[in-house]
Amino acid sequence: MAEKEGAIINKGHEEGLKMALSLMEEFELPLGLLHLADVIEVGYDTEMSGYVEKRRIKNLKGVKGRELMLWLPAYEITVDDPLTGNVQIKSLAGITKTFPAEAFAAGQ
């Protein structure tokens, strides 16, 4: 994959996890948002990419969630308020799921 100018590239589980947690804190996203090792309804490619801004990840690639019997790629994640609000996950298929932010707390 071609690298974009200004992109941050990390390789390996440990370095990738450290960077992901650092970005979650910096952009006020729940720390457990992408670290769901024991959940079988979510899948990750070996490479994930997207644009991160405050309380939002857009143009997300490399994350899928299961809806009924289909695996749909997550395209955008938005956090209403990181402490008390909801997390909305949108797919390219037009399906949006809303979850309480505490469902993505670190260690959950």
PDB file of N, CA and C in Angstrom:
ATOM      1  N   MET A   1       0.844  -1.181   0.000  1.00  0.00           N
ATOM      2  CA  MET A   1       0.000   0.000   0.000  1.00  0.00           C
ATOM      3  C   MET A   1       0.886   1.241   0.000  1.00  0.00           C
ATOM      4  N   ALA A   2       0.546   2.195  -0.800  1.00  0.00           N
ATOM      5  CA  ALA A   2       1.312   3.439  -0.875  1.00  0.00           C
ATOM      6  C   ALA A   2       1.106   4.246   0.399  1.00  0.00           C
ATOM      7  N   GLU A   3       2.181   4.817   0.888  1.00  0.00           N
ATOM      8  CA  GLU A   3       2.089   5.631   2.096  1.00  0.00           C
ATOM      9  C   GLU A   3       1.708   7.054   1.725  1.00  0.00           C
ATOM     10  N   LYS A   4       0.803   7.626   2.494  1.00  0.00           N
ATOM     11  CA  LYS A   4       0.381   9.006   2.267  1.00  0.00           C
ATOM     12  C   LYS A   4       1.337   9.938   3.000  1.00  0.00           C
ATOM     13  N   GLU A   5       1.514  11.126   2.461  1.00  0.00           N
ATOM     14  CA  GLU A   5       2.382  12.112   3.087  1.00  0.00           C
ATOM     15  C   GLU A   5       1.853  12.446   4.479  1.00  0.00           C
ATOM     16  N   GLY A   6       2.718  12.407   5.457  1.00  0.00           N
ATOM     17  CA  GLY A   6       2.340  12.727   6.830  1.00  0.00           C
ATOM     18  C   GLY A   6       1.723  11.569   7.590  1.00  0.00           C
ATOM     19  N   ALA A   7       1.612  10.392   6.971  1.00  0.00           N
ATOM     20  CA  ALA A   7       1.001   9.237   7.635  1.00  0.00           C
ATOM     21  C   ALA A   7       1.919   8.722   8.736  1.00  0.00           C
ATOM     22  N   ILE A   8       1.320   8.185   9.781  1.00  0.00           N
ATOM     23  CA  ILE A   8       2.068   7.535  10.852  1.00  0.00           C
ATOM     24  C   ILE A   8       1.959   6.037  10.612  1.00  0.00           C
ATOM     25  N   ILE A   9       3.081   5.372  10.434  1.00  0.00           N
ATOM     26  CA  ILE A   9       3.099   3.944  10.140  1.00  0.00           C
ATOM     27  C   ILE A   9       3.758   3.222  11.309  1.00  0.00           C
ATOM     28  N   ASN A  10       3.052   2.250  11.883  1.00  0.00           N
ATOM     29  CA  ASN A  10       3.610   1.398  12.923  1.00  0.00           C
ATOM     30  C   ASN A  10       3.429  -0.041  12.498  1.00  0.00           C
ATOM     31  N   LYS A  11       4.435  -0.862  12.781  1.00  0.00           N
ATOM     32  CA  LYS A  11       4.351  -2.276  12.440  1.00  0.00           C
ATOM     33  C   LYS A  11       4.530  -3.093  13.701  1.00  0.00           C
ATOM     34  N   GLY A  12       3.781  -4.174  13.785  1.00  0.00           N
ATOM     35  CA  GLY A  12       3.860  -5.050  14.940  1.00  0.00           C
ATOM     36  C   GLY A  12       2.771  -4.742  15.950  1.00  0.00           C
ATOM     37  N   HIS A  13       2.370  -5.782  16.669  1.00  0.00           N
ATOM     38  CA  HIS A  13       1.262  -5.663  17.615  1.00  0.00           C
ATOM     39  C   HIS A  13       1.532  -4.650  18.728  1.00  0.00           C
ATOM     40  N   GLU A  14       2.672  -4.769  19.387  1.00  0.00           N
ATOM     41  CA  GLU A  14       2.972  -3.900  20.537  1.00  0.00           C
ATOM     42  C   GLU A  14       3.018  -2.430  20.148  1.00  0.00           C
ATOM     43  N   GLU A  15       3.766  -2.118  19.092  1.00  0.00           N
ATOM     44  CA  GLU A  15       3.882  -0.722  18.658  1.00  0.00           C
ATOM     45  C   GLU A  15       2.547  -0.185  18.154  1.00  0.00           C
ATOM     46  N   GLY A  16       1.824  -1.012  17.417  1.00  0.00           N
ATOM     47  CA  GLY A  16       0.516  -0.589  16.916  1.00  0.00           C
ATOM     48  C   GLY A  16      -0.462  -0.317  18.040  1.00  0.00           C
ATOM     49  N   LEU A  17      -0.458  -1.165  19.065  1.00  0.00           N
ATOM     50  CA  LEU A  17      -1.354  -0.983  20.206  1.00  0.00           C
ATOM     51  C   LEU A  17      -1.009   0.284  20.980  1.00  0.00           C
ATOM     52  N   LYS A  18       0.282   0.525  21.211  1.00  0.00           N
ATOM     53  CA  LYS A  18       0.697   1.750  21.906  1.00  0.00           C
ATOM     54  C   LYS A  18       0.244   2.991  21.145  1.00  0.00           C
ATOM     55  N   MET A  19       0.444   2.992  19.832  1.00  0.00           N
ATOM     56  CA  MET A  19       0.048   4.142  19.019  1.00  0.00           C
ATOM     57  C   MET A  19      -1.466   4.314  19.027  1.00  0.00           C
ATOM     58  N   ALA A  20      -2.205   3.213  18.909  1.00  0.00           N
ATOM     59  CA  ALA A  20      -3.669   3.293  18.905  1.00  0.00           C
ATOM     60  C   ALA A  20      -4.179   3.894  20.214  1.00  0.00           C
ATOM     61  N   LEU A  21      -3.653   3.445  21.346  1.00  0.00           N
ATOM     62  CA  LEU A  21      -4.089   3.979  22.640  1.00  0.00           C
ATOM     63  C   LEU A  21      -3.721   5.450  22.788  1.00  0.00           C
ATOM     64  N   SER A  22      -2.543   5.823  22.304  1.00  0.00           N
ATOM     65  CA  SER A  22      -2.125   7.222  22.354  1.00  0.00           C
ATOM     66  C   SER A  22      -3.067   8.104  21.532  1.00  0.00           C
ATOM     67  N   LEU A  23      -3.425   7.643  20.331  1.00  0.00           N
ATOM     68  CA  LEU A  23      -4.345   8.405  19.482  1.00  0.00           C
ATOM     69  C   LEU A  23      -5.735   8.488  20.098  1.00  0.00           C
ATOM     70  N   MET A  24      -6.186   7.399  20.733  1.00  0.00           N
ATOM     71  CA  MET A  24      -7.509   7.413  21.376  1.00  0.00           C
ATOM     72  C   MET A  24      -7.569   8.498  22.450  1.00  0.00           C
ATOM     73  N   GLU A  25      -6.528   8.564  23.274  1.00  0.00           N
ATOM     74  CA  GLU A  25      -6.492   9.597  24.318  1.00  0.00           C
ATOM     75  C   GLU A  25      -6.454  10.990  23.710  1.00  0.00           C
ATOM     76  N   GLU A  26      -5.585  11.196  22.746  1.00  0.00           N
ATOM     77  CA  GLU A  26      -5.409  12.516  22.144  1.00  0.00           C
ATOM     78  C   GLU A  26      -6.693  13.032  21.493  1.00  0.00           C
ATOM     79  N   PHE A  27      -7.453  12.138  20.858  1.00  0.00           N
ATOM     80  CA  PHE A  27      -8.646  12.566  20.132  1.00  0.00           C
ATOM     81  C   PHE A  27      -9.949  12.271  20.878  1.00  0.00           C
ATOM     82  N   GLU A  28      -9.842  12.044  22.200  1.00  0.00           N
ATOM     83  CA  GLU A  28     -10.999  11.860  23.085  1.00  0.00           C
ATOM     84  C   GLU A  28     -11.925  10.738  22.630  1.00  0.00           C
ATOM     85  N   LEU A  29     -11.324   9.611  22.263  1.00  0.00           N
ATOM     86  CA  LEU A  29     -12.076   8.421  21.894  1.00  0.00           C
ATOM     87  C   LEU A  29     -11.945   7.400  23.020  1.00  0.00           C
ATOM     88  N   PRO A  30     -12.949   6.544  23.243  1.00  0.00           N
ATOM     89  CA  PRO A  30     -12.843   5.527  24.300  1.00  0.00           C
ATOM     90  C   PRO A  30     -11.632   4.626  24.075  1.00  0.00           C
ATOM     91  N   LEU A  31     -10.878   4.352  25.139  1.00  0.00           N
ATOM     92  CA  LEU A  31      -9.636   3.588  25.010  1.00  0.00           C
ATOM     93  C   LEU A  31      -9.859   2.161  24.531  1.00  0.00           C
ATOM     94  N   GLY A  32     -11.022   1.615  24.742  1.00  0.00           N
ATOM     95  CA  GLY A  32     -11.295   0.250  24.309  1.00  0.00           C
ATOM     96  C   GLY A  32     -11.957   0.161  22.951  1.00  0.00           C
ATOM     97  N   LEU A  33     -12.009   1.250  22.220  1.00  0.00           N
ATOM     98  CA  LEU A  33     -12.760   1.297  20.964  1.00  0.00           C
ATOM     99  C   LEU A  33     -12.294   0.268  19.940  1.00  0.00           C
ATOM    100  N   LEU A  34     -11.009   0.109  19.750  1.00  0.00           N
ATOM    101  CA  LEU A  34     -10.503  -0.839  18.759  1.00  0.00           C
ATOM    102  C   LEU A  34      -9.794  -2.033  19.382  1.00  0.00           C
ATOM    103  N   HIS A  35      -9.703  -2.089  20.679  1.00  0.00           N
ATOM    104  CA  HIS A  35      -8.992  -3.182  21.347  1.00  0.00           C
ATOM    105  C   HIS A  35     -10.014  -4.136  21.958  1.00  0.00           C
ATOM    106  N   LEU A  36     -10.607  -4.963  21.132  1.00  0.00           N
ATOM    107  CA  LEU A  36     -11.627  -5.903  21.575  1.00  0.00           C
ATOM    108  C   LEU A  36     -11.167  -7.323  21.271  1.00  0.00           C
ATOM    109  N   ALA A  37     -10.119  -7.759  21.937  1.00  0.00           N
ATOM    110  CA  ALA A  37      -9.481  -9.033  21.609  1.00  0.00           C
ATOM    111  C   ALA A  37     -10.400 -10.237  21.799  1.00  0.00           C
ATOM    112  N   ASP A  38     -11.317 -10.203  22.756  1.00  0.00           N
ATOM    113  CA  ASP A  38     -12.131 -11.375  23.058  1.00  0.00           C
ATOM    114  C   ASP A  38     -13.512 -11.351  22.425  1.00  0.00           C
ATOM    115  N   VAL A  39     -13.821 -10.358  21.629  1.00  0.00           N
ATOM    116  CA  VAL A  39     -15.142 -10.246  21.028  1.00  0.00           C
ATOM    117  C   VAL A  39     -15.098 -10.850  19.633  1.00  0.00           C
ATOM    118  N   ILE A  40     -16.015 -11.767  19.343  1.00  0.00           N
ATOM    119  CA  ILE A  40     -15.967 -12.439  18.049  1.00  0.00           C
ATOM    120  C   ILE A  40     -16.811 -11.745  16.988  1.00  0.00           C
ATOM    121  N   GLU A  41     -17.564 -10.720  17.365  1.00  0.00           N
ATOM    122  CA  GLU A  41     -18.404 -10.032  16.396  1.00  0.00           C
ATOM    123  C   GLU A  41     -17.655  -8.949  15.633  1.00  0.00           C
ATOM    124  N   VAL A  42     -16.389  -8.747  15.917  1.00  0.00           N
ATOM    125  CA  VAL A  42     -15.588  -7.719  15.267  1.00  0.00           C
ATOM    126  C   VAL A  42     -14.353  -8.380  14.673  1.00  0.00           C
ATOM    127  N   GLY A  43     -13.955  -7.949  13.477  1.00  0.00           N
ATOM    128  CA  GLY A  43     -12.752  -8.476  12.857  1.00  0.00           C
ATOM    129  C   GLY A  43     -11.845  -7.351  12.398  1.00  0.00           C
ATOM    130  N   TYR A  44     -10.552  -7.612  12.441  1.00  0.00           N
ATOM    131  CA  TYR A  44      -9.565  -6.614  12.041  1.00  0.00           C
ATOM    132  C   TYR A  44      -8.666  -7.188  10.966  1.00  0.00           C
ATOM    133  N   ASP A  45      -8.365  -6.397   9.949  1.00  0.00           N
ATOM    134  CA  ASP A  45      -7.353  -6.781   8.974  1.00  0.00           C
ATOM    135  C   ASP A  45      -5.983  -6.564   9.609  1.00  0.00           C
ATOM    136  N   THR A  46      -4.947  -7.055   8.957  1.00  0.00           N
ATOM    137  CA  THR A  46      -3.598  -6.831   9.477  1.00  0.00           C
ATOM    138  C   THR A  46      -3.187  -5.378   9.333  1.00  0.00           C
ATOM    139  N   GLU A  47      -3.903  -4.634   8.502  1.00  0.00           N
ATOM    140  CA  GLU A  47      -3.631  -3.206   8.327  1.00  0.00           C
ATOM    141  C   GLU A  47      -4.939  -2.435   8.466  1.00  0.00           C
ATOM    142  N   MET A  48      -4.925  -1.416   9.314  1.00  0.00           N
ATOM    143  CA  MET A  48      -6.089  -0.547   9.479  1.00  0.00           C
ATOM    144  C   MET A  48      -5.668   0.870   9.139  1.00  0.00           C
ATOM    145  N   SER A  49      -6.584   1.631   8.537  1.00  0.00           N
ATOM    146  CA  SER A  49      -6.281   3.022   8.228  1.00  0.00           C
ATOM    147  C   SER A  49      -7.552   3.849   8.332  1.00  0.00           C
ATOM    148  N   GLY A  50      -7.371   5.137   8.492  1.00  0.00           N
ATOM    149  CA  GLY A  50      -8.497   6.062   8.570  1.00  0.00           C
ATOM    150  C   GLY A  50      -7.989   7.439   8.940  1.00  0.00           C
ATOM    151  N   TYR A  51      -8.892   8.391   8.954  1.00  0.00           N
ATOM    152  CA  TYR A  51      -8.565   9.759   9.339  1.00  0.00           C
ATOM    153  C   TYR A  51      -9.159  10.012  10.713  1.00  0.00           C
ATOM    154  N   VAL A  52      -8.316  10.433  11.647  1.00  0.00           N
ATOM    155  CA  VAL A  52      -8.749  10.635  13.025  1.00  0.00           C
ATOM    156  C   VAL A  52      -8.842  12.121  13.298  1.00  0.00           C
ATOM    157  N   GLU A  53      -9.961  12.519  13.885  1.00  0.00           N
ATOM    158  CA  GLU A  53     -10.125  13.885  14.368  1.00  0.00           C
ATOM    159  C   GLU A  53     -10.814  13.782  15.716  1.00  0.00           C
ATOM    160  N   LYS A  54     -10.994  14.884  16.383  1.00  0.00           N
ATOM    161  CA  LYS A  54     -11.559  14.863  17.724  1.00  0.00           C
ATOM    162  C   LYS A  54     -12.902  14.139  17.731  1.00  0.00           C
ATOM    163  N   ARG A  55     -12.980  13.065  18.521  1.00  0.00           N
ATOM    164  CA  ARG A  55     -14.175  12.251  18.720  1.00  0.00           C
ATOM    165  C   ARG A  55     -14.705  11.597  17.447  1.00  0.00           C
ATOM    166  N   ARG A  56     -13.829  11.350  16.463  1.00  0.00           N
ATOM    167  CA  ARG A  56     -14.311  10.786  15.202  1.00  0.00           C
ATOM    168  C   ARG A  56     -13.183  10.098  14.431  1.00  0.00           C
ATOM    169  N   ILE A  57     -13.500   8.966  13.825  1.00  0.00           N
ATOM    170  CA  ILE A  57     -12.617   8.299  12.870  1.00  0.00           C
ATOM    171  C   ILE A  57     -13.439   8.138  11.598  1.00  0.00           C
ATOM    172  N   LYS A  58     -12.929   8.642  10.476  1.00  0.00           N
ATOM    173  CA  LYS A  58     -13.684   8.517   9.224  1.00  0.00           C
ATOM    174  C   LYS A  58     -12.825   7.861   8.156  1.00  0.00           C
ATOM    175  N   ASN A  59     -13.483   7.404   7.102  1.00  0.00           N
ATOM    176  CA  ASN A  59     -12.821   6.653   6.029  1.00  0.00           C
ATOM    177  C   ASN A  59     -12.037   5.471   6.593  1.00  0.00           C
ATOM    178  N   LEU A  60     -12.619   4.824   7.586  1.00  0.00           N
ATOM    179  CA  LEU A  60     -11.980   3.709   8.269  1.00  0.00           C
ATOM    180  C   LEU A  60     -11.930   2.492   7.355  1.00  0.00           C
ATOM    181  N   LYS A  61     -10.777   1.853   7.323  1.00  0.00           N
ATOM    182  CA  LYS A  61     -10.599   0.624   6.550  1.00  0.00           C
ATOM    183  C   LYS A  61      -9.915  -0.401   7.446  1.00  0.00           C
ATOM    184  N   GLY A  62     -10.318  -1.653   7.314  1.00  0.00           N
ATOM    185  CA  GLY A  62      -9.669  -2.722   8.058  1.00  0.00           C
ATOM    186  C   GLY A  62     -10.414  -3.174   9.295  1.00  0.00           C
ATOM    187  N   VAL A  63     -11.647  -2.700   9.522  1.00  0.00           N
ATOM    188  CA  VAL A  63     -12.454  -3.103  10.676  1.00  0.00           C
ATOM    189  C   VAL A  63     -13.817  -3.544  10.157  1.00  0.00           C
ATOM    190  N   LYS A  64     -14.260  -4.734  10.595  1.00  0.00           N
ATOM    191  CA  LYS A  64     -15.571  -5.240  10.190  1.00  0.00           C
ATOM    192  C   LYS A  64     -16.355  -5.660  11.420  1.00  0.00           C
ATOM    193  N   GLY A  65     -17.675  -5.557  11.340  1.00  0.00           N
ATOM    194  CA  GLY A  65     -18.554  -6.025  12.398  1.00  0.00           C
ATOM    195  C   GLY A  65     -19.649  -6.884  11.805  1.00  0.00           C
ATOM    196  N   ARG A  66     -20.146  -7.814  12.609  1.00  0.00           N
ATOM    197  CA  ARG A  66     -21.176  -8.714  12.101  1.00  0.00           C
ATOM    198  C   ARG A  66     -22.555  -8.163  12.412  1.00  0.00           C
ATOM    199  N   GLU A  67     -23.394  -8.082  11.406  1.00  0.00           N
ATOM    200  CA  GLU A  67     -24.787  -7.647  11.527  1.00  0.00           C
ATOM    201  C   GLU A  67     -25.631  -8.777  10.957  1.00  0.00           C
ATOM    202  N   LEU A  68     -26.373  -9.454  11.806  1.00  0.00           N
ATOM    203  CA  LEU A  68     -27.112 -10.666  11.434  1.00  0.00           C
ATOM    204  C   LEU A  68     -26.105 -11.685  10.903  1.00  0.00           C
ATOM    205  N   MET A  69     -26.192 -12.071   9.667  1.00  0.00           N
ATOM    206  CA  MET A  69     -25.274 -13.076   9.125  1.00  0.00           C
ATOM    207  C   MET A  69     -24.209 -12.466   8.215  1.00  0.00           C
ATOM    208  N   LEU A  70     -24.168 -11.149   8.113  1.00  0.00           N
ATOM    209  CA  LEU A  70     -23.239 -10.475   7.208  1.00  0.00           C
ATOM    210  C   LEU A  70     -22.127  -9.781   7.978  1.00  0.00           C
ATOM    211  N   TRP A  71     -20.933  -9.797   7.409  1.00  0.00           N
ATOM    212  CA  TRP A  71     -19.827  -9.019   7.953  1.00  0.00           C
ATOM    213  C   TRP A  71     -19.741  -7.726   7.158  1.00  0.00           C
ATOM    214  N   LEU A  72     -19.998  -6.604   7.821  1.00  0.00           N
ATOM    215  CA  LEU A  72     -20.005  -5.303   7.155  1.00  0.00           C
ATOM    216  C   LEU A  72     -18.801  -4.476   7.589  1.00  0.00           C
ATOM    217  N   PRO A  73     -18.108  -3.833   6.646  1.00  0.00           N
ATOM    218  CA  PRO A  73     -16.986  -2.983   7.037  1.00  0.00           C
ATOM    219  C   PRO A  73     -17.471  -1.720   7.744  1.00  0.00           C
ATOM    220  N   ALA A  74     -16.835  -1.405   8.865  1.00  0.00           N
ATOM    221  CA  ALA A  74     -17.117  -0.139   9.557  1.00  0.00           C
ATOM    222  C   ALA A  74     -16.442   0.968   8.765  1.00  0.00           C
ATOM    223  N   TYR A  75     -17.153   2.058   8.543  1.00  0.00           N
ATOM    224  CA  TYR A  75     -16.631   3.151   7.726  1.00  0.00           C
ATOM    225  C   TYR A  75     -16.346   4.397   8.557  1.00  0.00           C
ATOM    226  N   GLU A  76     -17.156   4.622   9.585  1.00  0.00           N
ATOM    227  CA  GLU A  76     -17.002   5.829  10.397  1.00  0.00           C
ATOM    228  C   GLU A  76     -17.417   5.528  11.831  1.00  0.00           C
ATOM    229  N   ILE A  77     -16.667   6.078  12.778  1.00  0.00           N
ATOM    230  CA  ILE A  77     -16.990   5.951  14.195  1.00  0.00           C
ATOM    231  C   ILE A  77     -17.028   7.353  14.780  1.00  0.00           C
ATOM    232  N   THR A  78     -18.130   7.682  15.462  1.00  0.00           N
ATOM    233  CA  THR A  78     -18.301   8.998  16.062  1.00  0.00           C
ATOM    234  C   THR A  78     -18.658   8.829  17.532  1.00  0.00           C
ATOM    235  N   VAL A  79     -18.044   9.636  18.399  1.00  0.00           N
ATOM    236  CA  VAL A  79     -18.340   9.625  19.827  1.00  0.00           C
ATOM    237  C   VAL A  79     -19.026  10.936  20.172  1.00  0.00           C
ATOM    238  N   ASP A  80     -20.282  10.849  20.680  1.00  0.00           N
ATOM    239  CA  ASP A  80     -21.020  12.057  21.051  1.00  0.00           C
ATOM    240  C   ASP A  80     -20.295  12.817  22.154  1.00  0.00           C
ATOM    241  N   ASP A  81     -20.004  12.148  23.239  1.00  0.00           N
ATOM    242  CA  ASP A  81     -19.287  12.702  24.383  1.00  0.00           C
ATOM    243  C   ASP A  81     -18.528  11.530  24.978  1.00  0.00           C
ATOM    244  N   PRO A  82     -17.216  11.617  25.101  1.00  0.00           N
ATOM    245  CA  PRO A  82     -16.438  10.442  25.486  1.00  0.00           C
ATOM    246  C   PRO A  82     -16.772   9.878  26.863  1.00  0.00           C
ATOM    247  N   LEU A  83     -17.304  10.674  27.770  1.00  0.00           N
ATOM    248  CA  LEU A  83     -17.573  10.167  29.108  1.00  0.00           C
ATOM    249  C   LEU A  83     -19.013   9.703  29.295  1.00  0.00           C
ATOM    250  N   THR A  84     -19.967  10.402  28.710  1.00  0.00           N
ATOM    251  CA  THR A  84     -21.367  10.093  28.982  1.00  0.00           C
ATOM    252  C   THR A  84     -22.194   9.797  27.748  1.00  0.00           C
ATOM    253  N   GLY A  85     -21.645   9.990  26.566  1.00  0.00           N
ATOM    254  CA  GLY A  85     -22.439   9.882  25.350  1.00  0.00           C
ATOM    255  C   GLY A  85     -22.443   8.508  24.725  1.00  0.00           C
ATOM    256  N   ASN A  86     -22.823   8.484  23.481  1.00  0.00           N
ATOM    257  CA  ASN A  86     -22.917   7.254  22.713  1.00  0.00           C
ATOM    258  C   ASN A  86     -21.826   7.186  21.658  1.00  0.00           C
ATOM    259  N   VAL A  87     -21.541   5.969  21.225  1.00  0.00           N
ATOM    260  CA  VAL A  87     -20.623   5.720  20.130  1.00  0.00           C
ATOM    261  C   VAL A  87     -21.461   5.223  18.960  1.00  0.00           C
ATOM    262  N   GLN A  88     -21.343   5.888  17.817  1.00  0.00           N
ATOM    263  CA  GLN A  88     -22.076   5.477  16.621  1.00  0.00           C
ATOM    264  C   GLN A  88     -21.085   4.891  15.626  1.00  0.00           C
ATOM    265  N   ILE A  89     -21.400   3.700  15.133  1.00  0.00           N
ATOM    266  CA  ILE A  89     -20.560   3.039  14.145  1.00  0.00           C
ATOM    267  C   ILE A  89     -21.376   2.903  12.868  1.00  0.00           C
ATOM    268  N   LYS A  90     -20.864   3.493  11.791  1.00  0.00           N
ATOM    269  CA  LYS A  90     -21.572   3.481  10.507  1.00  0.00           C
ATOM    270  C   LYS A  90     -20.856   2.552   9.534  1.00  0.00           C
ATOM    271  N   SER A  91     -21.642   1.837   8.736  1.00  0.00           N
ATOM    272  CA  SER A  91     -21.065   0.976   7.704  1.00  0.00           C
ATOM    273  C   SER A  91     -21.339   1.567   6.333  1.00  0.00           C
ATOM    274  N   LEU A  92     -20.604   1.090   5.344  1.00  0.00           N
ATOM    275  CA  LEU A  92     -20.825   1.539   3.971  1.00  0.00           C
ATOM    276  C   LEU A  92     -22.200   1.128   3.459  1.00  0.00           C
ATOM    277  N   ALA A  93     -22.797   0.108   4.069  1.00  0.00           N
ATOM    278  CA  ALA A  93     -24.118  -0.365   3.655  1.00  0.00           C
ATOM    279  C   ALA A  93     -25.234   0.548   4.162  1.00  0.00           C
ATOM    280  N   GLY A  94     -24.877   1.601   4.900  1.00  0.00           N
ATOM    281  CA  GLY A  94     -25.877   2.532   5.403  1.00  0.00           C
ATOM    282  C   GLY A  94     -26.441   2.156   6.758  1.00  0.00           C
ATOM    283  N   ILE A  95     -25.914   1.113   7.378  1.00  0.00           N
ATOM    284  CA  ILE A  95     -26.386   0.690   8.694  1.00  0.00           C
ATOM    285  C   ILE A  95     -25.579   1.417   9.758  1.00  0.00           C
ATOM    286  N   THR A  96     -26.278   2.017  10.720  1.00  0.00           N
ATOM    287  CA  THR A  96     -25.632   2.694  11.846  1.00  0.00           C
ATOM    288  C   THR A  96     -26.052   2.005  13.129  1.00  0.00           C
ATOM    289  N   LYS A  97     -25.094   1.673  13.967  1.00  0.00           N
ATOM    290  CA  LYS A  97     -25.357   1.086  15.277  1.00  0.00           C
ATOM    291  C   LYS A  97     -24.885   2.066  16.331  1.00  0.00           C
ATOM    292  N   THR A  98     -25.666   2.204  17.404  1.00  0.00           N
ATOM    293  CA  THR A  98     -25.318   3.100  18.498  1.00  0.00           C
ATOM    294  C   THR A  98     -25.118   2.272  19.761  1.00  0.00           C
ATOM    295  N   PHE A  99     -24.026   2.549  20.474  1.00  0.00           N
ATOM    296  CA  PHE A  99     -23.684   1.844  21.697  1.00  0.00           C
ATOM    297  C   PHE A  99     -23.358   2.863  22.780  1.00  0.00           C
ATOM    298  N   PRO A 100     -23.558   2.518  24.059  1.00  0.00           N
ATOM    299  CA  PRO A 100     -23.113   3.412  25.128  1.00  0.00           C
ATOM    300  C   PRO A 100     -21.585   3.457  25.154  1.00  0.00           C
ATOM    301  N   ALA A 101     -21.018   4.627  25.422  1.00  0.00           N
ATOM    302  CA  ALA A 101     -19.559   4.785  25.415  1.00  0.00           C
ATOM    303  C   ALA A 101     -18.882   3.848  26.407  1.00  0.00           C
ATOM    304  N   GLU A 102     -19.539   3.550  27.541  1.00  0.00           N
ATOM    305  CA  GLU A 102     -18.903   2.683  28.536  1.00  0.00           C
ATOM    306  C   GLU A 102     -18.703   1.255  28.020  1.00  0.00           C
ATOM    307  N   ALA A 103     -19.384   0.866  26.955  1.00  0.00           N
ATOM    308  CA  ALA A 103     -19.165  -0.458  26.365  1.00  0.00           C
ATOM    309  C   ALA A 103     -17.764  -0.574  25.766  1.00  0.00           C
ATOM    310  N   PHE A 104     -17.117   0.560  25.534  1.00  0.00           N
ATOM    311  CA  PHE A 104     -15.787   0.575  24.928  1.00  0.00           C
ATOM    312  C   PHE A 104     -14.719   1.059  25.903  1.00  0.00           C
ATOM    313  N   ALA A 105     -15.007   1.007  27.191  1.00  0.00           N
ATOM    314  CA  ALA A 105     -14.024   1.425  28.192  1.00  0.00           C
ATOM    315  C   ALA A 105     -12.830   0.475  28.150  1.00  0.00           C
ATOM    316  N   ALA A 106     -11.666   0.975  28.490  1.00  0.00           N
ATOM    317  CA  ALA A 106     -10.458   0.149  28.496  1.00  0.00           C
ATOM    318  C   ALA A 106     -10.663  -1.035  29.424  1.00  0.00           C
ATOM    319  N   GLY A 107     -10.263  -2.206  28.983  1.00  0.00           N
ATOM    320  CA  GLY A 107     -10.384  -3.405  29.791  1.00  0.00           C
ATOM    321  C   GLY A 107     -11.710  -4.119  29.639  1.00  0.00           C
ATOM    322  N   GLN A 108     -12.618  -3.587  28.851  1.00  0.00           N
ATOM    323  CA  GLN A 108     -13.933  -4.225  28.666  1.00  0.00           C
ATOM    324  C   GLN A 108     -13.873  -5.247  27.570  1.00  0.00           C
TER     325      GLN A 108
END
